[in-house]
Amino acid sequence: MRMPVMDGYEATRQIREQEASGRGNSTHPLNPVEHQPTVIIALTASAFEEQRSSILAAGCDDFVRKPFREQTIFEKMAEYLGVQYIYEQDTNSRGLQEQTSQGDGKNLTSDDLAVMPADWVTQLNQAAVEVDGDRILQLIEQIPASHLTLAEKLTDLVRRFCFDEILELTEENRHF
């Protein structure tokens, strides 16, 4: 959303104005469907949830917070543009997948967090919203030794700046 000369809010406003006046990109080869609105996905470094409503109100269809994983961008393109990806099958993919998934947070589920009190999950969620890695690490220290795997996987997410994944995990648990 922050760019030199013209910020993302102004760029979005101008794109939407052009579409409304009929000067949109209906003849552009990347958007050949007449009067189909341009999909705008904002990229922001802001971690504050209030920012979400102002970004969407500006005319953006969705947003992605920094830091982000490359996979997140591909998922957004698939969601909004109907893009489908064909991945090359690696003969060693199973062995490689097992190696890379050890110690990562990808196999964490919201059920794994259910071992912690609801207040703790709420604090973890807030720390992830604020992208406060130090606070998250303090919360991880409160995880009992009997749930060491949970602590290790959350620590790995923090070290890899995967606050969006922590947000997803904690959002699912907010009903507690």
N, C-alpha and C. Protein backbone atom coordinates (compact mmCIF):
# COMPACT_ATOMS: atom_id res chain seq x y z
N MET A 1 0.82 -1.20 0.00
CA MET A 1 0.00 0.00 0.00
C MET A 1 0.86 1.25 0.00
N ARG A 2 2.10 1.12 0.49
CA ARG A 2 3.01 2.27 0.44
C ARG A 2 3.90 2.14 -0.76
N MET A 3 3.83 3.16 -1.62
CA MET A 3 4.66 3.21 -2.81
C MET A 3 5.09 4.65 -3.00
N PRO A 4 6.23 4.84 -3.64
CA PRO A 4 6.64 6.23 -3.92
C PRO A 4 5.72 6.86 -4.96
N VAL A 5 5.59 8.14 -4.92
CA VAL A 5 4.80 8.97 -5.84
C VAL A 5 3.31 8.78 -5.60
N MET A 6 2.78 7.57 -5.80
CA MET A 6 1.35 7.32 -5.61
C MET A 6 1.20 6.08 -4.73
N ASP A 7 0.48 6.22 -3.61
CA ASP A 7 0.31 5.06 -2.74
C ASP A 7 -0.76 4.13 -3.30
N GLY A 8 -0.88 2.97 -2.69
CA GLY A 8 -1.82 1.96 -3.15
C GLY A 8 -3.27 2.39 -3.07
N TYR A 9 -3.58 3.23 -2.10
CA TYR A 9 -4.96 3.71 -1.98
C TYR A 9 -5.33 4.55 -3.20
N GLU A 10 -4.44 5.46 -3.59
CA GLU A 10 -4.70 6.32 -4.74
C GLU A 10 -4.70 5.51 -6.03
N ALA A 11 -3.78 4.58 -6.16
CA ALA A 11 -3.74 3.74 -7.36
C ALA A 11 -5.04 2.95 -7.50
N THR A 12 -5.51 2.39 -6.39
CA THR A 12 -6.77 1.64 -6.41
C THR A 12 -7.93 2.55 -6.78
N ARG A 13 -7.96 3.75 -6.20
CA ARG A 13 -9.04 4.69 -6.49
C ARG A 13 -9.06 5.01 -7.99
N GLN A 14 -7.90 5.25 -8.58
CA GLN A 14 -7.84 5.60 -10.00
C GLN A 14 -8.26 4.42 -10.89
N ILE A 15 -7.85 3.22 -10.53
CA ILE A 15 -8.25 2.04 -11.31
C ILE A 15 -9.77 1.89 -11.26
N ARG A 16 -10.34 2.02 -10.08
CA ARG A 16 -11.80 1.87 -9.94
C ARG A 16 -12.54 3.00 -10.66
N GLU A 17 -11.99 4.21 -10.65
CA GLU A 17 -12.61 5.33 -11.39
C GLU A 17 -12.62 5.05 -12.89
N GLN A 18 -11.51 4.55 -13.40
CA GLN A 18 -11.43 4.24 -14.83
C GLN A 18 -12.43 3.15 -15.21
N GLU A 19 -12.56 2.16 -14.35
CA GLU A 19 -13.52 1.10 -14.62
C GLU A 19 -14.94 1.65 -14.63
N ALA A 20 -15.26 2.52 -13.68
CA ALA A 20 -16.60 3.09 -13.56
C ALA A 20 -16.94 3.98 -14.75
N SER A 21 -15.95 4.66 -15.30
CA SER A 21 -16.20 5.57 -16.43
C SER A 21 -16.14 4.85 -17.77
N GLY A 22 -15.91 3.53 -17.73
CA GLY A 22 -15.85 2.78 -18.98
C GLY A 22 -14.50 2.81 -19.65
N ARG A 23 -13.52 3.43 -19.00
CA ARG A 23 -12.17 3.48 -19.56
C ARG A 23 -11.29 2.40 -18.98
N GLY A 24 -11.91 1.38 -18.41
CA GLY A 24 -11.15 0.31 -17.75
C GLY A 24 -10.37 -0.51 -18.74
N ASN A 25 -9.92 -1.65 -18.31
CA ASN A 25 -9.02 -2.47 -19.10
C ASN A 25 -9.76 -3.55 -19.89
N SER A 26 -11.00 -3.30 -20.32
CA SER A 26 -11.76 -4.35 -20.98
C SER A 26 -11.14 -4.83 -22.29
N THR A 27 -10.27 -4.03 -22.90
CA THR A 27 -9.63 -4.47 -24.13
C THR A 27 -8.19 -4.93 -23.90
N HIS A 28 -7.76 -4.92 -22.67
CA HIS A 28 -6.40 -5.35 -22.36
C HIS A 28 -6.31 -6.86 -22.55
N PRO A 29 -5.24 -7.36 -23.17
CA PRO A 29 -5.14 -8.81 -23.44
C PRO A 29 -5.14 -9.67 -22.19
N LEU A 30 -4.72 -9.13 -21.04
CA LEU A 30 -4.74 -9.92 -19.81
C LEU A 30 -6.10 -9.92 -19.14
N ASN A 31 -7.00 -9.05 -19.60
CA ASN A 31 -8.35 -8.99 -19.05
C ASN A 31 -9.33 -8.82 -20.21
N PRO A 32 -9.49 -9.86 -21.05
CA PRO A 32 -10.27 -9.71 -22.26
C PRO A 32 -11.78 -9.65 -22.04
N VAL A 33 -12.26 -10.03 -20.88
CA VAL A 33 -13.70 -10.02 -20.63
C VAL A 33 -14.14 -8.59 -20.39
N GLU A 34 -15.06 -8.14 -21.24
CA GLU A 34 -15.50 -6.75 -21.15
C GLU A 34 -16.16 -6.47 -19.81
N HIS A 35 -15.78 -5.37 -19.23
CA HIS A 35 -16.33 -4.86 -17.97
C HIS A 35 -16.04 -5.75 -16.76
N GLN A 36 -15.11 -6.63 -16.88
CA GLN A 36 -14.71 -7.42 -15.73
C GLN A 36 -13.78 -6.56 -14.88
N PRO A 37 -14.12 -6.34 -13.60
CA PRO A 37 -13.26 -5.48 -12.78
C PRO A 37 -11.89 -6.10 -12.53
N THR A 38 -10.92 -5.24 -12.42
CA THR A 38 -9.56 -5.67 -12.12
C THR A 38 -9.51 -6.18 -10.68
N VAL A 39 -8.90 -7.31 -10.48
CA VAL A 39 -8.72 -7.83 -9.13
C VAL A 39 -7.51 -7.12 -8.53
N ILE A 40 -7.71 -6.52 -7.36
CA ILE A 40 -6.62 -5.80 -6.70
C ILE A 40 -6.39 -6.43 -5.34
N ILE A 41 -5.20 -6.96 -5.17
CA ILE A 41 -4.78 -7.55 -3.90
C ILE A 41 -3.71 -6.63 -3.32
N ALA A 42 -4.00 -6.05 -2.17
CA ALA A 42 -3.06 -5.13 -1.53
C ALA A 42 -1.96 -5.92 -0.82
N LEU A 43 -0.78 -5.38 -0.84
CA LEU A 43 0.35 -5.93 -0.09
C LEU A 43 0.73 -4.87 0.93
N THR A 44 0.69 -5.24 2.20
CA THR A 44 0.94 -4.25 3.25
C THR A 44 1.86 -4.80 4.32
N ALA A 45 2.63 -3.90 4.88
CA ALA A 45 3.50 -4.26 6.00
C ALA A 45 2.77 -4.08 7.32
N SER A 46 1.61 -3.47 7.27
CA SER A 46 0.85 -3.22 8.49
C SER A 46 0.28 -4.52 9.04
N ALA A 47 0.36 -4.69 10.33
CA ALA A 47 -0.17 -5.88 10.96
C ALA A 47 -1.47 -5.60 11.69
N PHE A 48 -1.92 -4.36 11.68
CA PHE A 48 -3.09 -3.99 12.45
C PHE A 48 -4.36 -4.36 11.71
N GLU A 49 -5.28 -4.98 12.42
CA GLU A 49 -6.53 -5.44 11.83
C GLU A 49 -7.38 -4.28 11.33
N GLU A 50 -7.26 -3.09 11.96
CA GLU A 50 -8.03 -1.92 11.51
C GLU A 50 -7.66 -1.58 10.07
N GLN A 51 -6.43 -1.85 9.70
CA GLN A 51 -5.94 -1.55 8.35
C GLN A 51 -6.74 -2.33 7.32
N ARG A 52 -7.19 -3.51 7.68
CA ARG A 52 -7.94 -4.37 6.76
C ARG A 52 -9.17 -3.65 6.23
N SER A 53 -9.96 -3.06 7.11
CA SER A 53 -11.19 -2.41 6.67
C SER A 53 -10.92 -1.21 5.77
N SER A 54 -9.87 -0.44 6.06
CA SER A 54 -9.57 0.71 5.20
C SER A 54 -9.05 0.27 3.84
N ILE A 55 -8.32 -0.83 3.80
CA ILE A 55 -7.82 -1.35 2.52
C ILE A 55 -8.98 -1.85 1.67
N LEU A 56 -9.89 -2.60 2.29
CA LEU A 56 -11.04 -3.10 1.55
C LEU A 56 -11.97 -1.96 1.14
N ALA A 57 -12.13 -0.97 2.01
CA ALA A 57 -12.98 0.19 1.69
C ALA A 57 -12.40 1.00 0.54
N ALA A 58 -11.08 0.96 0.36
CA ALA A 58 -10.44 1.69 -0.73
C ALA A 58 -10.72 1.06 -2.09
N GLY A 59 -11.25 -0.16 -2.08
CA GLY A 59 -11.58 -0.83 -3.33
C GLY A 59 -10.77 -2.07 -3.63
N CYS A 60 -9.89 -2.43 -2.72
CA CYS A 60 -9.11 -3.66 -2.91
C CYS A 60 -10.00 -4.86 -2.64
N ASP A 61 -9.74 -5.94 -3.34
CA ASP A 61 -10.52 -7.15 -3.16
C ASP A 61 -10.06 -7.96 -1.95
N ASP A 62 -8.79 -7.87 -1.63
CA ASP A 62 -8.22 -8.63 -0.52
C ASP A 62 -6.86 -8.02 -0.21
N PHE A 63 -6.19 -8.58 0.77
CA PHE A 63 -4.85 -8.10 1.08
C PHE A 63 -4.00 -9.22 1.65
N VAL A 64 -2.69 -9.00 1.56
CA VAL A 64 -1.70 -9.93 2.11
C VAL A 64 -0.76 -9.11 2.96
N ARG A 65 -0.48 -9.62 4.15
CA ARG A 65 0.45 -8.93 5.06
C ARG A 65 1.88 -9.40 4.83
N LYS A 66 2.81 -8.48 4.98
CA LYS A 66 4.23 -8.83 5.00
C LYS A 66 4.59 -9.23 6.42
N PRO A 67 5.52 -10.08 6.63
CA PRO A 67 6.16 -10.91 5.62
C PRO A 67 5.18 -11.99 5.16
N PHE A 68 5.30 -12.40 3.93
CA PHE A 68 4.39 -13.40 3.40
C PHE A 68 5.19 -14.50 2.73
N ARG A 69 4.53 -15.64 2.58
CA ARG A 69 5.14 -16.76 1.86
C ARG A 69 4.73 -16.65 0.40
N GLU A 70 5.60 -17.04 -0.48
CA GLU A 70 5.31 -17.03 -1.91
C GLU A 70 4.02 -17.79 -2.20
N GLN A 71 3.81 -18.87 -1.49
CA GLN A 71 2.63 -19.71 -1.67
C GLN A 71 1.35 -18.90 -1.45
N THR A 72 1.37 -17.93 -0.53
CA THR A 72 0.20 -17.12 -0.26
C THR A 72 -0.23 -16.34 -1.50
N ILE A 73 0.72 -15.79 -2.24
CA ILE A 73 0.41 -15.05 -3.45
C ILE A 73 -0.21 -15.97 -4.49
N PHE A 74 0.34 -17.17 -4.65
CA PHE A 74 -0.21 -18.12 -5.61
C PHE A 74 -1.63 -18.55 -5.21
N GLU A 75 -1.87 -18.70 -3.91
CA GLU A 75 -3.21 -19.06 -3.44
C GLU A 75 -4.22 -17.95 -3.74
N LYS A 76 -3.81 -16.70 -3.56
CA LYS A 76 -4.69 -15.56 -3.87
C LYS A 76 -5.01 -15.50 -5.36
N MET A 77 -4.00 -15.74 -6.20
CA MET A 77 -4.25 -15.73 -7.64
C MET A 77 -5.23 -16.85 -8.02
N ALA A 78 -5.05 -18.01 -7.42
CA ALA A 78 -5.97 -19.11 -7.70
C ALA A 78 -7.38 -18.77 -7.24
N GLU A 79 -7.50 -18.17 -6.08
CA GLU A 79 -8.80 -17.82 -5.53
C GLU A 79 -9.53 -16.79 -6.39
N TYR A 80 -8.85 -15.73 -6.78
CA TYR A 80 -9.50 -14.63 -7.47
C TYR A 80 -9.50 -14.74 -8.98
N LEU A 81 -8.54 -15.44 -9.54
CA LEU A 81 -8.45 -15.52 -10.99
C LEU A 81 -8.79 -16.89 -11.54
N GLY A 82 -9.00 -17.85 -10.65
CA GLY A 82 -9.31 -19.20 -11.10
C GLY A 82 -8.11 -19.92 -11.70
N VAL A 83 -6.93 -19.44 -11.39
CA VAL A 83 -5.71 -20.05 -11.89
C VAL A 83 -5.52 -21.41 -11.24
N GLN A 84 -5.11 -22.38 -12.04
CA GLN A 84 -4.79 -23.69 -11.51
C GLN A 84 -3.34 -23.99 -11.84
N TYR A 85 -2.64 -24.62 -10.93
CA TYR A 85 -1.23 -24.88 -11.12
C TYR A 85 -1.00 -26.37 -11.34
N ILE A 86 -0.07 -26.66 -12.21
CA ILE A 86 0.35 -28.04 -12.43
C ILE A 86 1.79 -28.13 -11.96
N TYR A 87 2.01 -28.96 -10.98
CA TYR A 87 3.34 -29.09 -10.41
C TYR A 87 4.04 -30.32 -10.97
N GLU A 88 5.31 -30.15 -11.22
CA GLU A 88 6.11 -31.26 -11.70
C GLU A 88 6.25 -32.28 -10.57
N GLN A 89 6.06 -33.53 -10.92
CA GLN A 89 6.18 -34.59 -9.93
C GLN A 89 7.65 -34.94 -9.75
N ASP A 90 8.12 -34.85 -8.54
CA ASP A 90 9.51 -35.17 -8.23
C ASP A 90 9.57 -36.62 -7.78
N THR A 91 10.50 -37.37 -8.32
CA THR A 91 10.60 -38.79 -7.97
C THR A 91 10.95 -38.97 -6.50
N ASN A 92 11.66 -38.00 -5.92
CA ASN A 92 12.00 -38.08 -4.51
C ASN A 92 11.11 -37.18 -3.66
N SER A 93 9.96 -36.81 -4.18
CA SER A 93 9.13 -35.82 -3.48
C SER A 93 8.70 -36.30 -2.10
N ARG A 94 8.38 -37.57 -1.95
CA ARG A 94 7.94 -38.04 -0.64
C ARG A 94 9.06 -37.92 0.39
N GLY A 95 10.27 -38.36 0.02
CA GLY A 95 11.39 -38.25 0.95
C GLY A 95 11.74 -36.81 1.25
N LEU A 96 11.68 -35.95 0.22
CA LEU A 96 11.98 -34.54 0.40
C LEU A 96 10.91 -33.88 1.27
N GLN A 97 9.65 -34.23 1.03
CA GLN A 97 8.56 -33.65 1.82
C GLN A 97 8.70 -34.03 3.28
N GLU A 98 9.06 -35.28 3.54
CA GLU A 98 9.23 -35.71 4.93
C GLU A 98 10.38 -34.95 5.59
N GLN A 99 11.46 -34.70 4.84
CA GLN A 99 12.58 -33.96 5.41
C GLN A 99 12.21 -32.53 5.71
N THR A 100 11.53 -31.86 4.77
CA THR A 100 11.24 -30.44 4.95
C THR A 100 10.10 -30.20 5.91
N SER A 101 9.23 -31.18 6.11
CA SER A 101 8.10 -30.95 7.02
C SER A 101 8.49 -31.16 8.48
N GLN A 102 9.61 -31.79 8.72
CA GLN A 102 10.03 -31.96 10.10
C GLN A 102 10.44 -30.62 10.67
N GLY A 103 9.79 -30.24 11.76
CA GLY A 103 10.13 -28.99 12.41
C GLY A 103 9.43 -27.79 11.86
N ASP A 104 8.64 -27.95 10.78
CA ASP A 104 7.91 -26.77 10.32
C ASP A 104 6.50 -26.77 10.91
N GLY A 105 5.82 -25.67 10.79
CA GLY A 105 4.51 -25.52 11.41
C GLY A 105 3.38 -25.97 10.51
N LYS A 106 3.68 -26.48 9.33
CA LYS A 106 2.63 -26.79 8.38
C LYS A 106 1.69 -27.87 8.89
N ASN A 107 2.17 -28.76 9.73
CA ASN A 107 1.28 -29.79 10.20
C ASN A 107 0.68 -29.46 11.57
N LEU A 108 0.80 -28.23 11.98
CA LEU A 108 0.11 -27.77 13.18
C LEU A 108 -1.35 -27.52 12.82
N THR A 109 -2.24 -27.84 13.75
CA THR A 109 -3.65 -27.55 13.54
C THR A 109 -4.17 -26.76 14.73
N SER A 110 -5.35 -26.21 14.57
CA SER A 110 -5.94 -25.47 15.67
C SER A 110 -6.19 -26.39 16.87
N ASP A 111 -6.38 -27.68 16.61
CA ASP A 111 -6.57 -28.64 17.71
C ASP A 111 -5.32 -28.72 18.60
N ASP A 112 -4.15 -28.53 17.99
CA ASP A 112 -2.90 -28.56 18.77
C ASP A 112 -2.88 -27.44 19.81
N LEU A 113 -3.50 -26.30 19.47
CA LEU A 113 -3.53 -25.17 20.41
C LEU A 113 -4.58 -25.36 21.50
N ALA A 114 -5.49 -26.29 21.30
CA ALA A 114 -6.58 -26.50 22.25
C ALA A 114 -6.08 -26.96 23.62
N VAL A 115 -4.83 -27.36 23.69
CA VAL A 115 -4.27 -27.79 24.99
C VAL A 115 -3.97 -26.58 25.88
N MET A 116 -4.00 -25.39 25.28
CA MET A 116 -3.70 -24.17 26.04
C MET A 116 -5.00 -23.45 26.38
N PRO A 117 -4.99 -22.64 27.46
CA PRO A 117 -6.19 -21.91 27.84
C PRO A 117 -6.61 -20.91 26.75
N ALA A 118 -7.91 -20.63 26.70
CA ALA A 118 -8.45 -19.71 25.69
C ALA A 118 -7.79 -18.33 25.77
N ASP A 119 -7.52 -17.86 26.98
CA ASP A 119 -6.88 -16.55 27.14
C ASP A 119 -5.49 -16.55 26.51
N TRP A 120 -4.77 -17.64 26.64
CA TRP A 120 -3.44 -17.77 26.06
C TRP A 120 -3.53 -17.71 24.53
N VAL A 121 -4.51 -18.42 23.98
CA VAL A 121 -4.69 -18.43 22.52
C VAL A 121 -5.03 -17.02 22.04
N THR A 122 -5.86 -16.31 22.80
CA THR A 122 -6.22 -14.92 22.45
C THR A 122 -4.98 -14.04 22.47
N GLN A 123 -4.13 -14.21 23.49
CA GLN A 123 -2.89 -13.42 23.56
C GLN A 123 -1.95 -13.75 22.39
N LEU A 124 -1.89 -15.04 22.04
CA LEU A 124 -1.06 -15.46 20.92
C LEU A 124 -1.57 -14.83 19.62
N ASN A 125 -2.88 -14.82 19.46
CA ASN A 125 -3.49 -14.20 18.29
C ASN A 125 -3.14 -12.72 18.22
N GLN A 126 -3.28 -12.02 19.33
CA GLN A 126 -2.99 -10.59 19.34
C GLN A 126 -1.52 -10.31 19.04
N ALA A 127 -0.64 -11.12 19.59
CA ALA A 127 0.79 -10.96 19.32
C ALA A 127 1.09 -11.20 17.84
N ALA A 128 0.40 -12.16 17.23
CA ALA A 128 0.59 -12.42 15.80
C ALA A 128 0.06 -11.27 14.96
N VAL A 129 -1.09 -10.71 15.35
CA VAL A 129 -1.64 -9.54 14.65
C VAL A 129 -0.65 -8.39 14.67
N GLU A 130 0.00 -8.22 15.82
CA GLU A 130 0.96 -7.13 16.01
C GLU A 130 2.35 -7.49 15.48
N VAL A 131 2.51 -8.70 14.95
CA VAL A 131 3.79 -9.21 14.47
C VAL A 131 4.86 -9.01 15.54
N ASP A 132 4.50 -9.42 16.76
CA ASP A 132 5.37 -9.26 17.92
C ASP A 132 6.01 -10.61 18.26
N GLY A 133 7.10 -10.90 17.57
CA GLY A 133 7.79 -12.17 17.76
C GLY A 133 8.27 -12.39 19.18
N ASP A 134 8.76 -11.34 19.83
CA ASP A 134 9.24 -11.48 21.20
C ASP A 134 8.11 -11.90 22.14
N ARG A 135 6.94 -11.29 21.97
CA ARG A 135 5.79 -11.63 22.81
C ARG A 135 5.35 -13.07 22.55
N ILE A 136 5.37 -13.48 21.30
CA ILE A 136 5.00 -14.86 20.98
C ILE A 136 5.97 -15.84 21.63
N LEU A 137 7.26 -15.52 21.58
CA LEU A 137 8.24 -16.41 22.22
C LEU A 137 8.03 -16.48 23.72
N GLN A 138 7.61 -15.36 24.35
CA GLN A 138 7.29 -15.38 25.78
C GLN A 138 6.09 -16.29 26.04
N LEU A 139 5.11 -16.23 25.17
CA LEU A 139 3.94 -17.10 25.34
C LEU A 139 4.30 -18.56 25.13
N ILE A 140 5.19 -18.82 24.19
CA ILE A 140 5.62 -20.20 23.93
C ILE A 140 6.29 -20.80 25.16
N GLU A 141 6.99 -19.97 25.92
CA GLU A 141 7.65 -20.45 27.15
C GLU A 141 6.64 -20.97 28.16
N GLN A 142 5.38 -20.57 28.05
CA GLN A 142 4.34 -21.01 28.98
C GLN A 142 3.76 -22.38 28.60
N ILE A 143 4.12 -22.89 27.44
CA ILE A 143 3.61 -24.20 27.02
C ILE A 143 4.27 -25.27 27.88
N PRO A 144 3.47 -26.15 28.46
CA PRO A 144 4.04 -27.20 29.33
C PRO A 144 5.01 -28.10 28.56
N ALA A 145 5.97 -28.64 29.28
CA ALA A 145 6.99 -29.52 28.68
C ALA A 145 6.36 -30.74 28.01
N SER A 146 5.18 -31.12 28.47
CA SER A 146 4.50 -32.28 27.87
C SER A 146 4.03 -31.99 26.44
N HIS A 147 4.07 -30.72 26.04
CA HIS A 147 3.67 -30.33 24.69
C HIS A 147 4.84 -29.66 23.97
N LEU A 148 6.00 -30.25 24.11
CA LEU A 148 7.23 -29.72 23.55
C LEU A 148 7.15 -29.55 22.02
N THR A 149 6.51 -30.48 21.34
CA THR A 149 6.39 -30.40 19.88
C THR A 149 5.65 -29.14 19.47
N LEU A 150 4.58 -28.80 20.19
CA LEU A 150 3.84 -27.58 19.91
C LEU A 150 4.75 -26.36 20.05
N ALA A 151 5.50 -26.33 21.14
CA ALA A 151 6.41 -25.21 21.38
C ALA A 151 7.46 -25.10 20.27
N GLU A 152 8.01 -26.23 19.86
CA GLU A 152 9.04 -26.22 18.82
C GLU A 152 8.48 -25.74 17.48
N LYS A 153 7.29 -26.19 17.14
CA LYS A 153 6.70 -25.81 15.85
C LYS A 153 6.30 -24.34 15.83
N LEU A 154 5.76 -23.84 16.94
CA LEU A 154 5.43 -22.42 17.00
C LEU A 154 6.70 -21.56 16.95
N THR A 155 7.75 -22.00 17.64
CA THR A 155 9.02 -21.28 17.62
C THR A 155 9.57 -21.22 16.20
N ASP A 156 9.45 -22.33 15.48
CA ASP A 156 9.91 -22.36 14.10
C ASP A 156 9.12 -21.38 13.24
N LEU A 157 7.81 -21.29 13.45
CA LEU A 157 7.00 -20.33 12.70
C LEU A 157 7.46 -18.90 12.97
N VAL A 158 7.77 -18.59 14.22
CA VAL A 158 8.24 -17.25 14.56
C VAL A 158 9.58 -16.97 13.89
N ARG A 159 10.47 -17.93 13.95
CA ARG A 159 11.81 -17.74 13.35
C ARG A 159 11.74 -17.55 11.84
N ARG A 160 10.70 -18.16 11.21
CA ARG A 160 10.54 -18.01 9.76
C ARG A 160 9.57 -16.88 9.41
N PHE A 161 9.20 -16.08 10.43
CA PHE A 161 8.31 -14.93 10.24
C PHE A 161 6.95 -15.33 9.63
N CYS A 162 6.44 -16.47 10.03
CA CYS A 162 5.16 -16.98 9.51
C CYS A 162 4.02 -16.58 10.44
N PHE A 163 3.89 -15.29 10.67
CA PHE A 163 2.86 -14.80 11.58
C PHE A 163 1.46 -15.05 11.01
N ASP A 164 1.35 -15.08 9.67
CA ASP A 164 0.05 -15.36 9.06
C ASP A 164 -0.43 -16.76 9.40
N GLU A 165 0.48 -17.72 9.48
CA GLU A 165 0.10 -19.08 9.83
C GLU A 165 -0.35 -19.15 11.29
N ILE A 166 0.32 -18.41 12.15
CA ILE A 166 -0.08 -18.37 13.56
C ILE A 166 -1.46 -17.73 13.67
N LEU A 167 -1.69 -16.68 12.88
CA LEU A 167 -3.02 -16.05 12.86
C LEU A 167 -4.10 -17.04 12.46
N GLU A 168 -3.84 -17.80 11.40
CA GLU A 168 -4.82 -18.79 10.94
C GLU A 168 -5.12 -19.81 12.03
N LEU A 169 -4.08 -20.29 12.69
CA LEU A 169 -4.27 -21.28 13.75
C LEU A 169 -5.09 -20.71 14.91
N THR A 170 -4.78 -19.48 15.28
CA THR A 170 -5.45 -18.90 16.44
C THR A 170 -6.86 -18.41 16.10
N GLU A 171 -7.09 -17.99 14.87
CA GLU A 171 -8.44 -17.55 14.47
C GLU A 171 -9.42 -18.71 14.59
N GLU A 172 -8.98 -19.91 14.22
CA GLU A 172 -9.84 -21.08 14.28
C GLU A 172 -10.19 -21.44 15.73
N ASN A 173 -9.36 -21.02 16.66
CA ASN A 173 -9.55 -21.39 18.07
C ASN A 173 -10.23 -20.31 18.89
N ARG A 174 -10.61 -19.20 18.31
CA ARG A 174 -11.12 -18.07 19.07
C ARG A 174 -12.51 -18.33 19.65
N HIS A 175 -13.14 -19.42 19.26
CA HIS A 175 -14.46 -19.74 19.80
C HIS A 175 -14.40 -20.34 21.19
N PHE A 176 -13.23 -20.65 21.69
CA PHE A 176 -13.07 -21.28 23.01
C PHE A 176 -13.51 -20.35 24.11
